[in-house]
Amino acid sequence: MDEEHAKRLADLKTQVMDMKAGFDNRVADFKKQIDDFRKNNEAIDALKKAHAAEMAAHVQESNRKYNELLQEKLNSEDALKQKAEKDIANNNKEW
């Protein structure tokens, strides 16, 4: 009977040790996955920041170009208005 108990105890001990080793492996895999996830999040955050900076620069450049075009248009309109007024004044002098 003692031999059976000793054998059964040894088998149970082996099973517990195998389960513990399996659990330790799963914990190690889980820690690795968490580390990979954190690294991916950091990479994603860096990409988001780079994209935001790129978009801000693009918006500023587009606004600058728009303002330049608007100013050119206003200057052109003013020049045409002055020319029209000058032409009207010249025509009025001739009549």
Protein backbone atom coordinates (compact mmCIF):
# COMPACT_ATOMS: atom_id res chain seq x y z
CA MET A 1 0.00 0.00 0.00
CA ASP A 2 2.80 2.42 0.86
CA GLU A 3 4.44 1.72 -2.49
CA GLU A 4 1.17 2.54 -4.29
CA HIS A 5 0.83 5.78 -2.35
CA ALA A 6 4.43 6.70 -3.01
CA LYS A 7 4.02 5.93 -6.72
CA ARG A 8 0.73 7.87 -6.86
CA LEU A 9 2.35 10.78 -5.00
CA ALA A 10 5.29 10.76 -7.43
CA ASP A 11 2.87 10.74 -10.40
CA LEU A 12 0.88 13.62 -8.94
CA LYS A 13 4.08 15.53 -8.22
CA THR A 14 5.20 15.01 -11.83
CA GLN A 15 1.81 16.19 -13.10
CA VAL A 16 1.94 19.29 -10.89
CA MET A 17 5.48 20.09 -12.05
CA ASP A 18 4.42 19.64 -15.72
CA MET A 19 1.41 21.92 -15.17
CA LYS A 20 3.62 24.49 -13.43
CA ALA A 21 6.12 24.41 -16.32
CA GLY A 22 3.26 24.82 -18.81
CA PHE A 23 1.85 27.69 -16.78
CA ASP A 24 5.27 29.37 -16.57
CA ASN A 25 5.62 29.06 -20.36
CA ARG A 26 2.19 30.60 -20.90
CA VAL A 27 3.01 33.44 -18.51
CA ALA A 28 6.26 34.09 -20.36
CA ASP A 29 4.40 34.08 -23.71
CA PHE A 30 1.79 36.44 -22.28
CA LYS A 31 4.49 38.83 -21.02
CA LYS A 32 6.10 38.76 -24.47
CA GLN A 33 2.76 39.54 -26.10
CA ILE A 34 2.21 42.45 -23.71
CA ASP A 35 5.68 43.82 -24.48
CA ASP A 36 5.02 43.48 -28.23
CA PHE A 37 1.67 45.21 -27.78
CA ARG A 38 3.32 48.10 -25.92
CA LYS A 39 5.98 48.43 -28.61
CA ASN A 40 3.28 48.44 -31.30
CA ASN A 41 1.32 51.10 -29.40
CA GLU A 42 4.45 53.22 -29.15
CA ALA A 43 5.04 52.81 -32.88
CA ILE A 44 1.41 53.67 -33.62
CA ASP A 45 1.63 56.74 -31.37
CA ALA A 46 4.80 57.85 -33.15
CA LEU A 47 3.08 57.41 -36.53
CA LYS A 48 0.05 59.37 -35.32
CA LYS A 49 2.28 62.22 -34.12
CA ALA A 50 4.21 62.24 -37.39
CA HIS A 51 0.97 62.24 -39.37
CA ALA A 52 -0.47 65.09 -37.28
CA ALA A 53 2.68 67.14 -37.80
CA GLU A 54 2.62 66.40 -41.54
CA MET A 55 -1.05 67.38 -41.78
CA ALA A 56 -0.44 70.60 -39.83
CA ALA A 57 2.40 71.53 -42.17
CA HIS A 58 0.22 70.73 -45.18
CA VAL A 59 -2.64 72.87 -43.83
CA GLN A 60 -0.28 75.78 -43.13
CA GLU A 61 1.22 75.53 -46.63
CA SER A 62 -2.24 75.34 -48.22
CA ASN A 63 -3.42 78.34 -46.20
CA ARG A 64 -0.33 80.30 -47.22
CA LYS A 65 -0.90 79.51 -50.90
CA TYR A 66 -4.60 80.37 -50.63
CA ASN A 67 -3.82 83.70 -48.97
CA GLU A 68 -1.27 84.52 -51.68
CA LEU A 69 -3.78 83.71 -54.43
CA LEU A 70 -6.46 85.73 -52.68
CA GLN A 71 -4.11 88.69 -52.34
CA GLU A 72 -3.15 88.44 -56.03
CA LYS A 73 -6.83 88.35 -56.98
CA LEU A 74 -7.61 91.39 -54.83
CA ASN A 75 -4.62 93.27 -56.24
CA SER A 76 -5.68 92.37 -59.77
CA GLU A 77 -9.23 93.52 -59.09
CA ASP A 78 -7.94 96.81 -57.65
CA ALA A 79 -5.68 97.32 -60.67
CA LEU A 80 -8.58 96.62 -63.05
CA LYS A 81 -10.85 98.96 -61.10
CA GLN A 82 -8.25 101.74 -61.20
CA LYS A 83 -7.72 101.17 -64.92
CA ALA A 84 -11.46 101.27 -65.53
CA GLU A 85 -11.80 104.47 -63.52
CA LYS A 86 -8.87 106.00 -65.44
CA ASP A 87 -10.40 104.92 -68.78
CA ILE A 88 -13.77 106.39 -67.75
CA ALA A 89 -12.08 109.64 -66.73
CA ASN A 90 -10.18 109.78 -70.05
CA ASN A 91 -13.36 109.09 -71.99
CA ASN A 92 -15.20 111.81 -70.08
CA LYS A 93 -12.41 114.31 -70.92
CA GLU A 94 -12.60 113.41 -74.60
CA TRP A 95 -16.34 114.05 -74.76
